[in-house]
Protein backbone atom coordinates (compact mmCIF):
# COMPACT_ATOMS: atom_id res chain seq x y z
CA MET A 1 55.89 110.27 42.52
CA THR A 2 56.45 110.04 46.28
CA THR A 3 55.40 112.25 49.17
CA LYS A 4 56.94 112.21 52.62
CA ALA A 5 55.74 112.02 56.21
CA LYS A 6 57.30 111.38 59.59
CA MET A 7 55.85 110.58 62.99
CA ILE A 8 57.53 110.67 66.40
CA VAL A 9 55.96 108.92 69.39
CA ASP A 10 57.22 108.51 72.94
CA LYS A 11 55.79 106.06 75.46
CA ASP A 12 55.79 108.76 78.14
CA PHE A 13 53.72 111.17 76.05
CA THR A 14 50.29 109.59 76.19
CA ILE A 15 46.90 110.87 75.11
CA GLY A 16 45.15 108.50 77.46
CA GLN A 17 44.07 104.95 78.06
CA VAL A 18 41.93 103.60 75.24
CA ASP A 19 38.64 102.47 76.75
CA ASP A 20 37.65 99.16 75.14
CA ARG A 21 34.20 100.66 74.58
CA LEU A 22 35.69 102.97 71.95
CA TYR A 23 35.01 100.08 69.57
CA GLY A 24 31.30 99.74 70.28
CA SER A 25 28.53 99.49 67.72
CA PHE A 26 24.79 99.96 67.34
CA ILE A 27 21.70 97.90 66.52
CA GLU A 28 18.42 99.70 65.88
CA HIS A 29 15.02 98.37 64.93
CA LEU A 30 15.57 99.73 61.45
CA GLY A 31 15.62 97.92 58.12
CA ARG A 32 17.17 94.46 58.40
CA ALA A 33 19.47 95.18 61.33
CA VAL A 34 17.44 92.92 63.63
CA TYR A 35 15.10 90.89 61.43
CA GLY A 36 17.25 89.23 58.79
CA GLY A 37 20.40 90.59 60.41
CA ILE A 38 21.19 89.36 63.90
CA TYR A 39 17.88 87.44 64.20
CA GLU A 40 16.47 85.14 61.54
CA PRO A 41 14.68 82.03 62.81
CA GLY A 42 14.63 79.28 60.22
CA HIS A 43 17.90 80.37 58.61
CA PRO A 44 20.35 77.46 58.11
CA GLU A 45 22.81 79.29 60.41
CA ALA A 46 20.22 80.16 63.10
CA ASP A 47 20.58 78.69 66.56
CA GLU A 48 17.65 77.60 68.73
CA ARG A 49 16.97 81.25 69.65
CA GLY A 50 16.94 82.46 66.06
CA PHE A 51 20.35 84.15 66.29
CA ARG A 52 22.40 83.88 63.10
CA LYS A 53 25.64 82.12 64.02
CA ASP A 54 27.47 83.36 60.92
CA VAL A 55 26.73 86.94 61.98
CA LEU A 56 27.71 86.21 65.59
CA LYS A 57 31.09 84.92 64.43
CA LEU A 58 31.78 88.08 62.42
CA VAL A 59 30.75 90.19 65.43
CA ARG A 60 32.85 88.18 67.88
CA ASP A 61 35.86 88.48 65.57
CA LEU A 62 35.45 92.27 65.83
CA ARG A 63 35.54 92.01 69.64
CA VAL A 64 32.68 94.50 69.90
CA PRO A 65 32.63 95.51 73.57
CA ILE A 66 29.25 97.27 73.76
CA VAL A 67 26.23 97.66 71.49
CA ARG A 68 23.72 100.51 71.67
CA TYR A 69 20.06 99.43 71.34
CA PRO A 70 17.15 99.77 70.36
CA GLY A 71 17.71 103.14 68.67
CA GLY A 72 18.21 105.62 67.20
CA ASN A 73 15.18 107.50 65.97
CA PHE A 74 13.17 104.33 66.58
CA VAL A 75 13.48 104.63 70.35
CA SER A 76 11.63 107.96 70.57
CA GLY A 77 8.36 106.22 69.70
CA TYR A 78 9.10 102.83 71.22
CA ASP A 79 7.36 101.27 74.22
CA TRP A 80 9.87 98.80 75.66
CA LYS A 81 7.00 96.86 77.25
CA ASP A 82 5.85 95.81 73.75
CA GLY A 83 9.02 93.71 73.47
CA ILE A 84 8.77 91.62 76.65
CA GLY A 85 6.67 88.64 77.69
CA PRO A 86 5.23 85.86 75.52
CA VAL A 87 6.00 86.60 71.87
CA ALA A 88 2.50 85.55 70.79
CA ASP A 89 1.04 88.31 72.97
CA ARG A 90 3.20 91.12 71.67
CA PRO A 91 1.55 93.78 69.51
CA LYS A 92 2.45 94.90 66.02
CA ARG A 93 2.91 98.66 65.88
CA LEU A 94 3.22 101.31 63.20
CA GLU A 95 6.80 102.54 63.57
CA LEU A 96 6.70 106.23 62.66
CA ALA A 97 10.41 107.09 62.63
CA TRP A 98 11.14 104.83 59.64
CA ARG A 99 7.52 104.22 58.48
CA THR A 100 7.56 100.46 58.92
CA VAL A 101 5.62 97.89 60.94
CA GLU A 102 7.38 96.65 64.09
CA PRO A 103 6.29 93.08 64.97
CA ASN A 104 8.06 93.09 68.39
CA LEU A 105 9.33 89.54 67.98
CA PHE A 106 12.64 90.69 69.45
CA GLY A 107 13.02 92.91 72.49
CA LEU A 108 14.94 93.60 75.67
CA ASN A 109 15.45 90.04 76.87
CA GLU A 110 16.29 88.70 73.43
CA PHE A 111 18.82 91.47 72.92
CA ALA A 112 20.40 90.78 76.31
CA ASP A 113 20.74 87.12 75.30
CA TRP A 114 22.18 88.04 71.90
CA SER A 115 24.69 90.44 73.46
CA LYS A 116 25.96 87.73 75.79
CA ALA A 117 26.36 85.41 72.81
CA ALA A 118 28.25 88.16 70.97
CA GLY A 119 30.51 88.88 73.96
CA SER A 120 29.19 92.45 74.19
CA ASP A 121 27.66 94.62 76.87
CA VAL A 122 24.37 96.45 76.35
CA MET A 123 23.99 100.22 76.02
CA TRP A 124 20.24 100.74 76.38
CA ALA A 125 18.59 103.89 75.06
CA ILE A 126 15.41 105.00 76.80
CA ASN A 127 12.48 106.79 75.15
CA LEU A 128 12.38 110.46 76.10
CA GLY A 129 10.29 111.36 73.07
CA THR A 130 6.84 109.91 73.81
CA GLN A 131 7.72 108.56 77.27
CA GLY A 132 9.33 110.03 80.34
CA ILE A 133 10.37 109.63 83.95
CA GLU A 134 8.09 106.77 84.96
CA ASP A 135 9.05 104.48 82.09
CA ALA A 136 12.72 105.39 82.60
CA ARG A 137 12.70 104.11 86.16
CA ASN A 138 10.56 101.08 85.29
CA VAL A 139 12.83 99.76 82.56
CA VAL A 140 15.85 100.04 84.88
CA GLU A 141 13.93 98.15 87.55
CA TYR A 142 12.87 95.47 85.06
CA ALA A 143 16.38 95.01 83.70
CA ASN A 144 18.55 95.42 86.77
CA HIS A 145 16.69 94.96 90.07
CA PRO A 146 17.24 91.47 91.53
CA SER A 147 13.72 90.65 92.76
CA GLY A 148 10.95 91.59 95.12
CA SER A 149 9.36 94.40 93.12
CA TYR A 150 6.68 94.47 90.43
CA TRP A 151 8.96 94.97 87.43
CA SER A 152 11.80 92.73 88.61
CA ASP A 153 9.36 89.94 89.45
CA LEU A 154 7.77 90.40 86.02
CA ARG A 155 11.19 89.83 84.44
CA ILE A 156 11.58 86.69 86.53
CA SER A 157 8.16 85.47 85.36
CA HIS A 158 9.44 85.94 81.78
CA GLY A 159 12.19 83.41 82.45
CA TYR A 160 15.05 85.69 83.55
CA LYS A 161 15.79 85.05 87.21
CA ASP A 162 19.07 86.94 87.17
CA PRO A 163 19.05 90.66 86.38
CA HIS A 164 20.69 91.77 83.14
CA LYS A 165 22.86 94.33 84.95
CA ILE A 166 22.82 96.80 82.09
CA LYS A 167 25.35 99.42 83.12
CA THR A 168 25.16 102.07 80.39
CA TRP A 169 21.99 103.98 79.48
CA CYS A 170 21.32 106.71 76.91
CA LEU A 171 18.85 109.42 77.90
CA GLY A 172 16.96 109.48 74.61
CA ASN A 173 18.27 110.01 71.10
CA GLU A 174 19.00 113.14 69.04
CA MET A 175 16.46 115.21 70.91
CA ASP A 176 17.81 118.36 69.22
CA GLY A 177 16.56 117.13 65.83
CA PRO A 178 13.21 118.37 64.44
CA TRP A 179 12.86 114.93 62.78
CA GLN A 180 12.75 113.29 66.21
CA ILE A 181 9.47 112.11 67.68
CA GLY A 182 9.03 114.30 70.76
CA HIS A 183 11.67 116.84 69.65
CA LYS A 184 12.44 119.27 72.45
CA THR A 185 14.26 122.50 73.09
CA ALA A 186 17.50 122.27 75.03
CA HIS A 187 15.76 123.48 78.20
CA GLU A 188 12.87 121.03 77.79
CA TYR A 189 15.19 118.12 77.15
CA GLY A 190 17.66 119.13 79.85
CA ARG A 191 14.99 119.26 82.53
CA LEU A 192 13.46 115.93 81.47
CA ALA A 193 16.85 114.23 81.22
CA GLN A 194 17.80 115.54 84.66
CA GLU A 195 14.67 114.14 86.30
CA ALA A 196 14.88 110.83 84.42
CA ALA A 197 18.52 110.51 85.44
CA LYS A 198 17.68 111.02 89.10
CA VAL A 199 15.09 108.24 89.30
CA MET A 200 17.17 105.87 87.18
CA LYS A 201 20.17 106.23 89.48
CA TRP A 202 17.97 106.03 92.56
CA THR A 203 16.70 102.72 91.20
CA ASP A 204 20.21 101.47 90.45
CA PRO A 205 23.10 103.65 91.66
CA SER A 206 25.64 101.55 89.73
CA ILE A 207 24.52 102.67 86.27
CA GLU A 208 26.11 105.35 84.10
CA LEU A 209 24.18 107.76 81.89
CA VAL A 210 24.71 109.45 78.54
CA ALA A 211 22.97 112.76 77.80
CA CYS A 212 22.14 113.76 74.23
CA GLY A 213 24.50 116.23 72.64
CA SER A 214 24.02 117.64 69.16
CA SER A 215 23.14 115.35 66.26
CA ALA A 216 25.83 116.97 64.11
CA LEU A 217 28.34 119.82 64.15
CA GLY A 218 26.19 121.67 61.61
CA MET A 219 23.04 121.84 63.76
CA LYS A 220 21.86 125.46 64.20
CA THR A 221 21.53 124.87 67.93
CA PHE A 222 25.05 123.42 68.28
CA ALA A 223 27.10 124.62 71.24
CA ASP A 224 24.17 126.34 72.95
CA TRP A 225 22.42 122.95 73.05
CA GLU A 226 25.39 121.31 74.80
CA ALA A 227 25.85 124.15 77.27
CA THR A 228 22.16 124.26 78.19
CA VAL A 229 21.71 120.50 78.50
CA LEU A 230 24.82 120.18 80.66
CA ASP A 231 23.68 123.09 82.79
CA HIS A 232 20.71 120.91 83.77
CA THR A 233 22.36 117.49 83.83
CA TYR A 234 26.05 117.90 84.68
CA GLU A 235 25.75 116.51 88.20
CA HIS A 236 23.63 113.55 87.08
CA VAL A 237 25.21 112.17 83.90
CA ASP A 238 28.59 110.69 83.03
CA TYR A 239 28.85 111.25 79.28
CA LEU A 240 27.63 113.60 76.56
CA SER A 241 26.93 112.16 73.12
CA LEU A 242 28.09 113.19 69.66
CA HIS A 243 26.82 111.94 66.29
CA THR A 244 28.24 112.43 62.79
CA TYR A 245 28.04 110.88 59.35
CA TYR A 246 30.02 111.72 56.22
CA GLY A 247 29.28 111.11 52.55
CA ASN A 248 30.68 111.62 49.08
CA ALA A 249 27.62 112.31 46.98
CA GLU A 250 29.58 114.92 44.98
CA ASN A 251 32.31 112.35 44.20
CA ASP A 252 34.94 114.68 45.62
CA THR A 253 37.27 112.09 47.08
CA PRO A 254 40.04 114.43 48.34
CA THR A 255 37.48 116.33 50.44
CA PHE A 256 35.80 113.11 51.54
CA LEU A 257 39.10 111.74 52.83
CA ALA A 258 39.64 114.97 54.78
CA ARG A 259 36.32 114.82 56.68
CA SER A 260 37.91 113.34 59.79
CA LEU A 261 39.51 116.75 60.39
CA GLN A 262 35.96 118.01 60.93
CA MET A 263 35.43 115.15 63.36
CA ASP A 264 38.50 116.37 65.26
CA GLU A 265 37.00 119.87 65.35
CA PHE A 266 33.66 118.53 66.60
CA ILE A 267 35.28 116.59 69.44
CA ASP A 268 37.51 119.50 70.43
CA SER A 269 34.57 121.90 70.48
CA VAL A 270 32.36 119.65 72.60
CA THR A 271 35.23 119.02 74.99
CA ALA A 272 35.66 122.79 75.41
CA ILE A 273 31.94 123.22 76.14
CA CYS A 274 32.06 120.45 78.76
CA ASP A 275 35.01 122.11 80.44
CA TYR A 276 33.25 125.50 80.33
CA VAL A 277 30.26 124.06 82.20
CA LYS A 278 32.60 122.31 84.64
CA ALA A 279 34.27 125.65 85.38
CA LYS A 280 30.94 127.45 85.61
CA LYS A 281 29.68 124.95 88.17
CA ARG A 282 32.99 124.72 90.03
CA ALA A 283 32.63 120.98 89.53
CA LYS A 284 35.31 118.40 90.23
CA LYS A 285 33.91 115.79 87.87
CA LYS A 286 35.25 115.63 84.32
CA MET A 287 32.61 115.05 81.63
CA TYR A 288 33.52 112.34 79.14
CA LEU A 289 32.19 111.87 75.62
CA SER A 290 30.25 109.06 73.95
CA PHE A 291 30.51 109.26 70.15
CA ASP A 292 27.63 106.84 69.92
CA GLU A 293 26.81 107.25 66.22
CA TRP A 294 29.47 107.62 63.54
CA ASN A 295 30.03 106.25 60.05
CA VAL A 296 29.88 106.90 56.33
CA TRP A 297 26.27 107.17 55.13
CA PHE A 298 25.04 108.41 51.78
CA HIS A 299 24.86 105.55 49.27
CA SER A 300 21.32 104.43 50.11
CA HIS A 301 19.54 107.80 50.20
CA GLU A 302 17.96 107.54 46.75
CA SER A 303 16.95 103.87 46.97
CA ASP A 304 15.35 104.44 50.37
CA LYS A 305 13.04 107.05 48.85
CA LYS A 306 11.55 104.34 46.60
CA LEU A 307 10.59 101.93 49.38
CA GLU A 308 6.90 101.37 50.09
CA PRO A 309 5.96 102.26 53.68
CA TRP A 310 4.60 99.95 56.37
CA GLN A 311 6.65 96.88 55.57
CA ILE A 312 8.30 94.64 58.14
CA ALA A 313 12.11 94.88 57.95
CA PRO A 314 12.48 96.36 54.45
CA PRO A 315 16.03 96.86 53.05
CA GLN A 316 16.60 100.36 54.44
CA LEU A 317 19.94 102.21 54.67
CA GLU A 318 21.79 99.33 53.03
CA ASP A 319 24.88 101.25 51.96
CA VAL A 320 27.32 99.13 49.94
CA TYR A 321 30.71 100.39 51.01
CA THR A 322 33.67 101.10 48.77
CA MET A 323 37.40 101.06 49.27
CA GLU A 324 37.40 104.85 49.74
CA ASP A 325 34.71 104.51 52.41
CA ALA A 326 37.04 102.16 54.28
CA LEU A 327 39.75 104.82 54.20
CA VAL A 328 37.38 107.40 55.69
CA VAL A 329 36.31 104.97 58.41
CA GLY A 330 39.99 104.34 59.13
CA CYS A 331 40.61 108.08 59.46
CA MET A 332 37.60 108.40 61.78
CA LEU A 333 38.93 105.58 63.97
CA ILE A 334 42.26 107.40 64.18
CA SER A 335 40.37 110.57 65.15
CA LEU A 336 38.70 108.70 68.02
CA LEU A 337 42.04 107.33 69.18
CA LYS A 338 43.60 110.80 69.07
CA HIS A 339 40.90 111.87 71.55
CA ALA A 340 41.03 108.78 73.78
CA ASP A 341 41.46 110.99 76.84
CA ARG A 342 37.88 112.27 76.51
CA VAL A 343 36.05 109.96 74.11
CA LYS A 344 35.54 106.85 76.20
CA MET A 345 32.75 105.21 74.21
CA ALA A 346 31.88 105.19 70.53
CA CYS A 347 29.43 103.24 68.39
CA LEU A 348 29.95 102.53 64.71
CA ALA A 349 26.44 102.89 63.35
CA GLN A 350 25.31 100.31 62.65
CA LEU A 351 26.49 96.71 62.96
CA VAL A 352 24.53 94.57 60.48
CA ASN A 353 22.89 95.47 57.13
CA VAL A 354 21.98 99.05 58.06
CA ILE A 355 24.99 101.27 57.17
CA ALA A 356 27.01 98.38 58.50
CA PRO A 357 30.32 96.53 58.28
CA ILE A 358 28.44 93.22 58.07
CA MET A 359 25.90 92.35 55.38
CA THR A 360 23.56 89.39 55.02
CA GLN A 361 21.08 87.92 52.59
CA ASN A 362 17.81 86.67 54.04
CA GLY A 363 18.21 82.91 53.94
CA GLY A 364 21.66 83.35 52.45
CA PRO A 365 25.24 84.21 53.39
CA ALA A 366 26.82 86.87 55.58
CA TRP A 367 29.96 88.75 54.57
CA ALA A 368 32.27 91.58 55.59
CA GLN A 369 32.04 94.94 53.85
CA THR A 370 35.15 97.02 53.14
CA ILE A 371 34.73 99.09 56.32
CA TYR A 372 34.81 95.92 58.41
CA TYR A 373 38.59 95.70 58.15
CA PRO A 374 39.79 99.00 59.64
CA TYR A 375 37.20 98.51 62.39
CA LEU A 376 38.54 94.97 63.00
CA HIS A 377 42.18 96.08 63.06
CA ALA A 378 41.55 99.01 65.40
CA SER A 379 39.44 96.94 67.79
CA VAL A 380 41.86 94.02 67.96
CA TYR A 381 45.18 95.92 67.91
CA GLY A 382 44.21 99.37 69.18
CA ARG A 383 43.88 98.69 72.90
CA GLY A 384 46.28 100.19 75.40
CA GLN A 385 47.68 103.71 75.69
CA ALA A 386 47.12 106.08 72.77
CA LEU A 387 50.34 107.99 72.17
CA VAL A 388 50.66 111.62 71.11
CA PRO A 389 51.51 111.59 67.37
CA LEU A 390 53.98 114.29 66.35
CA VAL A 391 53.43 114.25 62.60
CA THR A 392 55.21 116.11 59.84
CA SER A 393 53.54 115.54 56.48
CA ASP A 394 53.13 117.02 53.06
CA LYS A 395 49.66 118.52 52.75
CA TYR A 396 46.95 119.37 50.25
CA ASP A 397 43.99 121.75 50.01
CA THR A 398 40.41 121.26 48.84
CA LYS A 399 37.78 123.90 48.18
CA GLU A 400 36.27 123.20 51.59
CA ILE A 401 39.14 121.99 53.78
CA THR A 402 42.72 123.23 53.76
CA ASP A 403 46.03 121.99 55.15
CA VAL A 404 45.06 118.35 54.95
CA PRO A 405 48.03 116.09 55.80
CA TYR A 406 48.48 113.18 53.43
CA LEU A 407 49.35 111.09 56.47
CA GLU A 408 46.68 110.42 59.10
CA SER A 409 48.26 108.38 61.86
CA VAL A 410 48.33 107.43 65.53
CA ALA A 411 50.08 104.78 67.62
CA VAL A 412 48.82 102.65 70.51
CA TYR A 413 51.09 101.03 73.09
CA ASP A 414 49.99 97.76 74.68
CA GLU A 415 52.43 97.53 77.57
CA ALA A 416 51.10 94.17 78.78
CA GLY A 417 51.60 92.65 75.35
CA ASP A 418 54.86 94.51 74.63
CA GLU A 419 53.44 95.81 71.36
CA VAL A 420 53.15 99.14 69.60
CA THR A 421 50.68 99.39 66.74
CA ILE A 422 50.82 102.21 64.21
CA PHE A 423 47.62 102.97 62.30
CA ALA A 424 48.24 105.04 59.18
CA VAL A 425 46.20 106.22 56.20
CA ASN A 426 47.82 107.63 53.08
CA ARG A 427 45.26 110.08 51.69
CA HIS A 428 47.21 110.69 48.48
CA LEU A 429 45.26 109.34 45.50
CA GLU A 430 48.21 109.08 43.12
CA ALA A 431 51.42 108.71 45.09
CA SER A 432 52.93 106.42 47.68
CA LEU A 433 54.01 107.96 50.97
CA ALA A 434 57.57 107.60 52.24
CA PHE A 435 56.77 107.08 55.91
CA GLU A 436 59.14 107.13 58.86
CA ALA A 437 58.26 106.55 62.51
CA ASP A 438 60.66 107.34 65.32
CA LEU A 439 59.95 105.25 68.43
CA ARG A 440 63.03 106.54 70.23
CA SER A 441 61.85 105.70 73.76
CA PHE A 442 61.13 102.04 73.02
CA GLY A 443 64.63 100.87 72.22
CA ASP A 444 65.06 98.06 69.72
CA CYS A 445 61.81 96.90 68.14
CA THR A 446 60.99 94.03 65.82
CA LEU A 447 58.31 93.88 63.14
CA ILE A 448 55.39 91.56 63.78
CA GLU A 449 53.50 92.36 60.57
CA HIS A 450 52.46 95.17 58.25
CA LEU A 451 48.81 94.81 57.22
CA VAL A 452 47.53 96.80 54.25
CA LEU A 453 44.07 97.45 52.85
CA GLU A 454 44.28 98.82 49.31
CA HIS A 455 42.71 98.42 45.87
CA ASP A 456 43.39 99.90 42.45
CA ASN A 457 39.71 100.86 42.20
CA LEU A 458 38.54 103.15 45.01
CA LYS A 459 34.94 102.28 44.13
CA ALA A 460 35.53 98.54 44.58
CA VAL A 461 33.08 96.78 46.93
CA ASN A 462 32.45 93.42 48.53
CA ALA A 463 29.22 91.58 47.70
CA ALA A 464 27.63 88.17 48.25
CA ALA A 465 29.01 86.97 44.90
CA ALA A 466 32.47 88.43 45.60
CA PRO A 467 32.84 88.77 49.38
CA ASN A 468 36.66 89.05 49.25
CA ALA A 469 37.09 91.58 46.46
CA VAL A 470 38.49 94.08 48.98
CA ARG A 471 40.35 92.59 51.89
CA PRO A 472 43.63 93.26 53.70
CA HIS A 473 46.93 91.52 53.03
CA ALA A 474 50.02 91.11 55.20
CA ASN A 475 52.55 91.95 52.50
CA GLY A 476 53.33 95.47 53.64
CA ASN A 477 56.92 96.61 53.20
CA ALA A 478 57.68 98.10 56.63
CA THR A 479 61.20 97.63 57.96
CA VAL A 480 62.61 98.27 61.43
CA ASP A 481 66.10 99.43 62.37
CA GLY A 482 66.33 99.69 66.13
CA SER A 483 63.57 102.10 67.08
CA ARG A 484 63.05 103.51 63.60
CA VAL A 485 60.36 102.26 61.25
CA ALA A 486 60.33 102.91 57.51
CA ALA A 487 57.65 102.02 55.00
CA SER A 488 56.31 103.03 51.64
CA LEU A 489 52.57 103.42 52.18
CA GLY A 490 50.71 102.75 48.95
CA LYS A 491 48.45 105.39 47.47
CA ALA A 492 45.03 105.57 49.12
CA SER A 493 45.80 102.83 51.63
CA TRP A 494 45.04 101.81 55.21
CA ASN A 495 48.08 100.45 57.07
CA VAL A 496 48.59 98.65 60.37
CA ILE A 497 52.24 98.26 61.42
CA ARG A 498 52.62 96.03 64.47
CA LEU A 499 55.85 96.07 66.44
CA ARG A 500 57.27 94.02 69.30
CA THR A 501 58.97 96.26 71.85
CA LYS A 502 61.06 93.61 73.61
């Protein structure tokens, strides 16, 4: 049984330049993301700072351009000053968002050091739950001001003569959510974010700011929240955030694989709201989007309920990802690329151990989960101009989502490298997909490689004992005739077809 799909792309019909920061990630003081994840003094792979070198290598291979930190829900109850200065003097705190104990062995300066080692920039989230304007300006001064003021000189006394020059800052986290410490109405948050933004940019005019959008498309306050927050902050911020997670608790794989269509809808809706506020304010500035939390998350819900509270770095949110999860992540990456004109930053949540592409054992190995591979391929090969994909595909319906194309695909043109990369997911669970791509404007092309991630068992996972059970191969069957590409995409597969254009 074979289904059919065709895609036409033209190098002159571009969506937009892919910002490298589209492939960002996220580290929160949650579970073993920090302690036992990126930081584990005494581990055989730890360097002199306690950073796990095996984890750093996996992160560097991903070419993660920016990492959001320190939260997440955690940040709304976090005092950043607890994480600076001599480690022996730092307090242990009850962490209310995740009901753990935070030892504060790792904080702002340590994360800045780790990010440099990982080759990533820092996206710092400030606390607008229990803190406010004064702490917002102070943390910018501590991190970014050269010297000659209280907070900058305090940083210097802590051993950091040069400022960290953190460019990107989030104005709180998910402030629309009733679960959030310091939850606010849209007006309350909008006013606070506006005033915090003013003093932060007065302290360092070079920074850029992200205001909190809705935590999910299904929030009751969605749309009105965005419009109200932007009404207060439009002149002061550079991005509006979006968050979404998808799961398959009902074991309805066809619907699960279609969820990225809802991600498309979410992005399109938020873009429309931004443009409405722009028109309302007669503004010239275009508001861009930061999709700074996205992933599959559902596997760990039941096990997390059984954890005893007030532990240090318990195994929270440790989803073990399947082959089908990797397909959904691949579709979500394609969704981000299809909106590269407006989504300029995105953060796969999270990076290590906590709903993450990288897993570790305390004292033991680190390995790549199934979702690591589409993230790796997109980050390494998906930089350049995203091209408008004109797709014709057979479709299917589910009870919840209709007109789902079996083919989910986009192409990216790297003009400097003379390469076009096609990313394609075959959503069909039983049939291969006869795929054709027409690259008519590129002239004769040659095939570099056709990478495929597939497995006979959609529930297959990688684990410490079998870290390579699900991994990509380069034995795809794509062929090229001039500017036409043909391939048979295996059932339920992620495909990366790389082409040389000269």
